[in-house]
C-alpha atoms as a PDB file:
ATOM      1  CA  UNK A   1       5.520  13.950 -87.697  1.00  0.00           C
ATOM      2  CA  UNK A   2       8.060  14.334 -84.899  1.00  0.00           C
ATOM      3  CA  UNK A   3      11.599  14.293 -86.262  1.00  0.00           C
ATOM      4  CA  UNK A   4      13.392  15.544 -83.114  1.00  0.00           C
ATOM      5  CA  UNK A   5      12.631  15.823 -79.393  1.00  0.00           C
ATOM      6  CA  UNK A   6      14.361  18.439 -77.276  1.00  0.00           C
ATOM      7  CA  UNK A   7      14.265  19.206 -73.583  1.00  0.00           C
ATOM      8  CA  UNK A   8      16.367  20.808 -70.894  1.00  0.00           C
ATOM      9  CA  UNK A   9      17.648  17.530 -69.438  1.00  0.00           C
ATOM     10  CA  UNK A  10      16.331  18.097 -65.921  1.00  0.00           C
ATOM     11  CA  UNK A  11      15.154  15.100 -63.904  1.00  0.00           C
ATOM     12  CA  UNK A  12      11.483  14.222 -64.351  1.00  0.00           C
ATOM     13  CA  UNK A  13       9.565  15.134 -67.514  1.00  0.00           C
ATOM     14  CA  UNK A  14      12.617  16.416 -69.413  1.00  0.00           C
ATOM     15  CA  UNK A  15      14.636  13.256 -68.871  1.00  0.00           C
ATOM     16  CA  UNK A  16      11.667  11.009 -69.731  1.00  0.00           C
ATOM     17  CA  UNK A  17      11.331  12.785 -73.091  1.00  0.00           C
ATOM     18  CA  UNK A  18      15.005  12.252 -73.905  1.00  0.00           C
ATOM     19  CA  UNK A  19      14.874   8.591 -72.859  1.00  0.00           C
ATOM     20  CA  UNK A  20      11.809   7.953 -75.040  1.00  0.00           C
ATOM     21  CA  UNK A  21      13.446   9.682 -78.014  1.00  0.00           C
ATOM     22  CA  UNK A  22      16.582   7.548 -77.652  1.00  0.00           C
ATOM     23  CA  UNK A  23      14.551   4.346 -77.233  1.00  0.00           C
ATOM     24  CA  UNK A  24      12.636   5.129 -80.454  1.00  0.00           C
ATOM     25  CA  UNK A  25      15.698   6.154 -82.474  1.00  0.00           C
ATOM     26  CA  UNK A  26      14.517   9.752 -82.747  1.00  0.00           C
ATOM     27  CA  UNK A  27      17.192  12.446 -82.672  1.00  0.00           C
ATOM     28  CA  UNK A  28      17.221  14.421 -79.438  1.00  0.00           C
ATOM     29  CA  UNK A  29      18.844  17.572 -78.161  1.00  0.00           C
ATOM     30  CA  UNK A  30      18.228  20.846 -76.427  1.00  0.00           C
ATOM     31  CA  UNK A  31      20.066  23.162 -74.107  1.00  0.00           C
ATOM     32  CA  UNK A  32      21.294  22.520 -70.581  1.00  0.00           C
ATOM     33  CA  UNK A  33      22.790  25.050 -68.143  1.00  0.00           C
ATOM     34  CA  UNK A  34      26.580  25.513 -68.054  1.00  0.00           C
ATOM     35  CA  UNK A  35      28.177  22.587 -66.256  1.00  0.00           C
ATOM     36  CA  UNK A  36      25.327  20.330 -67.516  1.00  0.00           C
ATOM     37  CA  UNK A  37      23.591  21.232 -64.244  1.00  0.00           C
ATOM     38  CA  UNK A  38      20.520  19.281 -63.056  1.00  0.00           C
ATOM     39  CA  UNK A  39      19.102  18.736 -59.594  1.00  0.00           C
ATOM     40  CA  UNK A  40      20.791  15.297 -59.587  1.00  0.00           C
ATOM     41  CA  UNK A  41      24.216  16.640 -60.579  1.00  0.00           C
ATOM     42  CA  UNK A  42      25.790  16.670 -64.052  1.00  0.00           C
ATOM     43  CA  UNK A  43      23.639  15.483 -66.942  1.00  0.00           C
ATOM     44  CA  UNK A  44      25.199  12.278 -68.318  1.00  0.00           C
ATOM     45  CA  UNK A  45      26.951  12.673 -71.665  1.00  0.00           C
ATOM     46  CA  UNK A  46      24.692  10.080 -73.332  1.00  0.00           C
ATOM     47  CA  UNK A  47      22.203  12.957 -73.574  1.00  0.00           C
ATOM     48  CA  UNK A  48      23.286  15.065 -76.536  1.00  0.00           C
ATOM     49  CA  UNK A  49      22.404  18.489 -75.178  1.00  0.00           C
ATOM     50  CA  UNK A  50      24.423  21.655 -75.704  1.00  0.00           C
ATOM     51  CA  UNK A  51      25.654  23.710 -72.759  1.00  0.00           C
ATOM     52  CA  UNK A  52      24.497  27.281 -72.381  1.00  0.00           C
ATOM     53  CA  UNK A  53      27.171  29.893 -71.626  1.00  0.00           C
ATOM     54  CA  UNK A  54      25.373  30.479 -68.305  1.00  0.00           C
ATOM     55  CA  UNK A  55      24.191  28.228 -65.459  1.00  0.00           C
ATOM     56  CA  UNK A  56      20.851  30.091 -65.487  1.00  0.00           C
ATOM     57  CA  UNK A  57      17.867  27.721 -65.809  1.00  0.00           C
ATOM     58  CA  UNK A  58      15.475  30.319 -67.316  1.00  0.00           C
ATOM     59  CA  UNK A  59      17.868  31.085 -70.199  1.00  0.00           C
ATOM     60  CA  UNK A  60      18.017  27.429 -71.284  1.00  0.00           C
ATOM     61  CA  UNK A  61      14.233  27.158 -70.976  1.00  0.00           C
ATOM     62  CA  UNK A  62      13.748  30.105 -73.308  1.00  0.00           C
ATOM     63  CA  UNK A  63      16.332  28.789 -75.794  1.00  0.00           C
ATOM     64  CA  UNK A  64      14.631  25.384 -75.976  1.00  0.00           C
ATOM     65  CA  UNK A  65      11.276  27.064 -76.641  1.00  0.00           C
ATOM     66  CA  UNK A  66      12.836  29.168 -79.412  1.00  0.00           C
ATOM     67  CA  UNK A  67      14.590  26.169 -81.012  1.00  0.00           C
ATOM     68  CA  UNK A  68      11.403  24.092 -81.265  1.00  0.00           C
ATOM     69  CA  UNK A  69       8.268  24.168 -83.386  1.00  0.00           C
ATOM     70  CA  UNK A  70       6.142  23.789 -80.258  1.00  0.00           C
ATOM     71  CA  UNK A  71       6.219  22.866 -76.581  1.00  0.00           C
ATOM     72  CA  UNK A  72       4.391  20.072 -74.792  1.00  0.00           C
ATOM     73  CA  UNK A  73       4.159  20.561 -71.026  1.00  0.00           C
ATOM     74  CA  UNK A  74       3.005  17.575 -68.966  1.00  0.00           C
ATOM     75  CA  UNK A  75       2.149  17.883 -65.281  1.00  0.00           C
ATOM     76  CA  UNK A  76      -0.096  16.536 -62.558  1.00  0.00           C
ATOM     77  CA  UNK A  77      -2.170  19.628 -61.811  1.00  0.00           C
ATOM     78  CA  UNK A  78      -1.726  23.281 -62.689  1.00  0.00           C
ATOM     79  CA  UNK A  79       1.492  24.725 -64.053  1.00  0.00           C
ATOM     80  CA  UNK A  80       3.903  26.143 -61.492  1.00  0.00           C
ATOM     81  CA  UNK A  81       7.553  27.169 -61.312  1.00  0.00           C
ATOM     82  CA  UNK A  82       9.651  26.306 -64.348  1.00  0.00           C
ATOM     83  CA  UNK A  83       6.711  24.714 -66.150  1.00  0.00           C
ATOM     84  CA  UNK A  84       4.718  27.931 -65.903  1.00  0.00           C
ATOM     85  CA  UNK A  85       7.793  29.875 -67.039  1.00  0.00           C
ATOM     86  CA  UNK A  86       8.036  27.581 -70.069  1.00  0.00           C
ATOM     87  CA  UNK A  87       4.432  28.430 -70.972  1.00  0.00           C
ATOM     88  CA  UNK A  88       5.195  32.156 -70.651  1.00  0.00           C
ATOM     89  CA  UNK A  89       8.238  31.810 -72.930  1.00  0.00           C
ATOM     90  CA  UNK A  90       6.176  29.976 -75.562  1.00  0.00           C
ATOM     91  CA  UNK A  91       3.639  32.804 -75.501  1.00  0.00           C
ATOM     92  CA  UNK A  92       6.382  35.457 -75.561  1.00  0.00           C
ATOM     93  CA  UNK A  93       7.910  33.912 -78.695  1.00  0.00           C
ATOM     94  CA  UNK A  94       4.591  33.110 -80.393  1.00  0.00           C
ATOM     95  CA  UNK A  95       5.279  29.371 -80.322  1.00  0.00           C
ATOM     96  CA  UNK A  96       2.507  26.776 -80.093  1.00  0.00           C
ATOM     97  CA  UNK A  97       2.247  25.077 -76.714  1.00  0.00           C
ATOM     98  CA  UNK A  98      -0.052  22.613 -75.029  1.00  0.00           C
ATOM     99  CA  UNK A  99      -0.459  21.608 -71.403  1.00  0.00           C
ATOM    100  CA  UNK A 100      -1.553  18.092 -70.506  1.00  0.00           C
ATOM    101  CA  UNK A 101      -2.751  17.776 -66.917  1.00  0.00           C
ATOM    102  CA  UNK A 102      -2.348  14.055 -66.255  1.00  0.00           C
ATOM    103  CA  UNK A 103      -4.740  14.366 -63.314  1.00  0.00           C
ATOM    104  CA  UNK A 104      -7.506  15.231 -65.773  1.00  0.00           C
ATOM    105  CA  UNK A 105      -6.627  13.095 -68.810  1.00  0.00           C
ATOM    106  CA  UNK A 106      -5.963   9.389 -69.203  1.00  0.00           C
ATOM    107  CA  UNK A 107      -2.941   8.378 -71.264  1.00  0.00           C
ATOM    108  CA  UNK A 108      -5.289   7.525 -74.145  1.00  0.00           C
ATOM    109  CA  UNK A 109      -7.044  10.903 -74.000  1.00  0.00           C
ATOM    110  CA  UNK A 110      -3.710  12.733 -73.713  1.00  0.00           C
ATOM    111  CA  UNK A 111      -2.401  10.917 -76.797  1.00  0.00           C
ATOM    112  CA  UNK A 112      -5.461  11.954 -78.847  1.00  0.00           C
ATOM    113  CA  UNK A 113      -5.120  15.585 -77.752  1.00  0.00           C
ATOM    114  CA  UNK A 114      -1.362  15.705 -78.385  1.00  0.00           C
ATOM    115  CA  UNK A 115      -1.595  14.015 -81.788  1.00  0.00           C
ATOM    116  CA  UNK A 116      -4.251  16.492 -82.932  1.00  0.00           C
ATOM    117  CA  UNK A 117      -2.126  19.403 -81.668  1.00  0.00           C
ATOM    118  CA  UNK A 118       1.056  18.098 -83.348  1.00  0.00           C
ATOM    119  CA  UNK A 119      -0.778  17.668 -86.638  1.00  0.00           C
ATOM    120  CA  UNK A 120      -2.662  20.963 -86.439  1.00  0.00           C
ATOM    121  CA  UNK A 121       0.446  22.940 -85.481  1.00  0.00           C
ATOM    122  CA  UNK A 122       2.859  21.171 -87.873  1.00  0.00           C
ATOM    123  CA  UNK A 123       5.226  20.216 -85.051  1.00  0.00           C
ATOM    124  CA  UNK A 124       8.416  18.455 -86.160  1.00  0.00           C
ATOM    125  CA  UNK A 125      10.814  19.592 -83.425  1.00  0.00           C
ATOM    126  CA  UNK A 126       9.021  19.013 -80.127  1.00  0.00           C
ATOM    127  CA  UNK A 127      10.168  20.637 -76.890  1.00  0.00           C
ATOM    128  CA  UNK A 128       8.988  18.663 -73.854  1.00  0.00           C
ATOM    129  CA  UNK A 129       8.828  20.195 -70.397  1.00  0.00           C
ATOM    130  CA  UNK A 130       7.286  19.576 -67.006  1.00  0.00           C
ATOM    131  CA  UNK A 131       8.168  19.306 -63.345  1.00  0.00           C
ATOM    132  CA  UNK A 132      11.449  17.967 -62.083  1.00  0.00           C
ATOM    133  CA  UNK A 133      11.448  14.672 -60.180  1.00  0.00           C
ATOM    134  CA  UNK A 134      11.766  16.298 -56.741  1.00  0.00           C
ATOM    135  CA  UNK A 135       8.517  18.222 -57.356  1.00  0.00           C
ATOM    136  CA  UNK A 136       6.571  15.223 -58.750  1.00  0.00           C
ATOM    137  CA  UNK A 137       7.856  11.675 -58.277  1.00  0.00           C
ATOM    138  CA  UNK A 138       5.388  10.294 -60.840  1.00  0.00           C
ATOM    139  CA  UNK A 139       6.104  12.731 -63.690  1.00  0.00           C
ATOM    140  CA  UNK A 140       8.913  10.691 -65.275  1.00  0.00           C
ATOM    141  CA  UNK A 141       6.696   7.610 -65.577  1.00  0.00           C
ATOM    142  CA  UNK A 142       3.676   9.592 -66.777  1.00  0.00           C
ATOM    143  CA  UNK A 143       5.646  11.528 -69.401  1.00  0.00           C
ATOM    144  CA  UNK A 144       7.314   8.350 -70.599  1.00  0.00           C
ATOM    145  CA  UNK A 145       3.975   6.523 -71.021  1.00  0.00           C
ATOM    146  CA  UNK A 146       2.332   9.434 -72.834  1.00  0.00           C
ATOM    147  CA  UNK A 147       5.213  10.126 -75.230  1.00  0.00           C
ATOM    148  CA  UNK A 148       5.775   6.457 -75.958  1.00  0.00           C
ATOM    149  CA  UNK A 149       2.076   6.111 -76.879  1.00  0.00           C
ATOM    150  CA  UNK A 150       2.186   9.290 -79.013  1.00  0.00           C
ATOM    151  CA  UNK A 151       5.163   7.990 -80.989  1.00  0.00           C
ATOM    152  CA  UNK A 152       3.663   4.510 -81.387  1.00  0.00           C
ATOM    153  CA  UNK A 153       0.393   5.972 -82.684  1.00  0.00           C
ATOM    154  CA  UNK A 154       2.385   8.215 -85.030  1.00  0.00           C
ATOM    155  CA  UNK A 155       4.197   5.193 -86.484  1.00  0.00           C
ATOM    156  CA  UNK A 156       0.898   3.382 -87.034  1.00  0.00           C
ATOM    157  CA  UNK A 157      -0.653   6.205 -89.039  1.00  0.00           C
END
């Protein structure tokens, strides 16, 4: 069962994960670059993320992977950029990870896959990653729908 959701606070998938956690009363956290840097400016303080000593995006990505039990990456299509780097960091640190391509899976199918992965991998602290909003304008909405459904199904079981 998910007891904490972490992300890097970037616009898009990261921010959707934090918003869903807060809406469901689930503790949230993670690491953000120095200066609380995102593509939209400073990350608002309502998001309880810790600042890295560096403004380097890859460092915070790696730290969030290391601080979680597993990483869920949601995208529309193949992994690229920071999402692909997240996958590489999960493999480097031997952490479970799963990629949901929302172009290939309905919300319902994604929920089934994610729930089985969470259960099978004993995930309690979930790192959520995916594209930033400027790379995929639909990723916030998609991530929000999927995570909300995962948490609702978790509460029903």
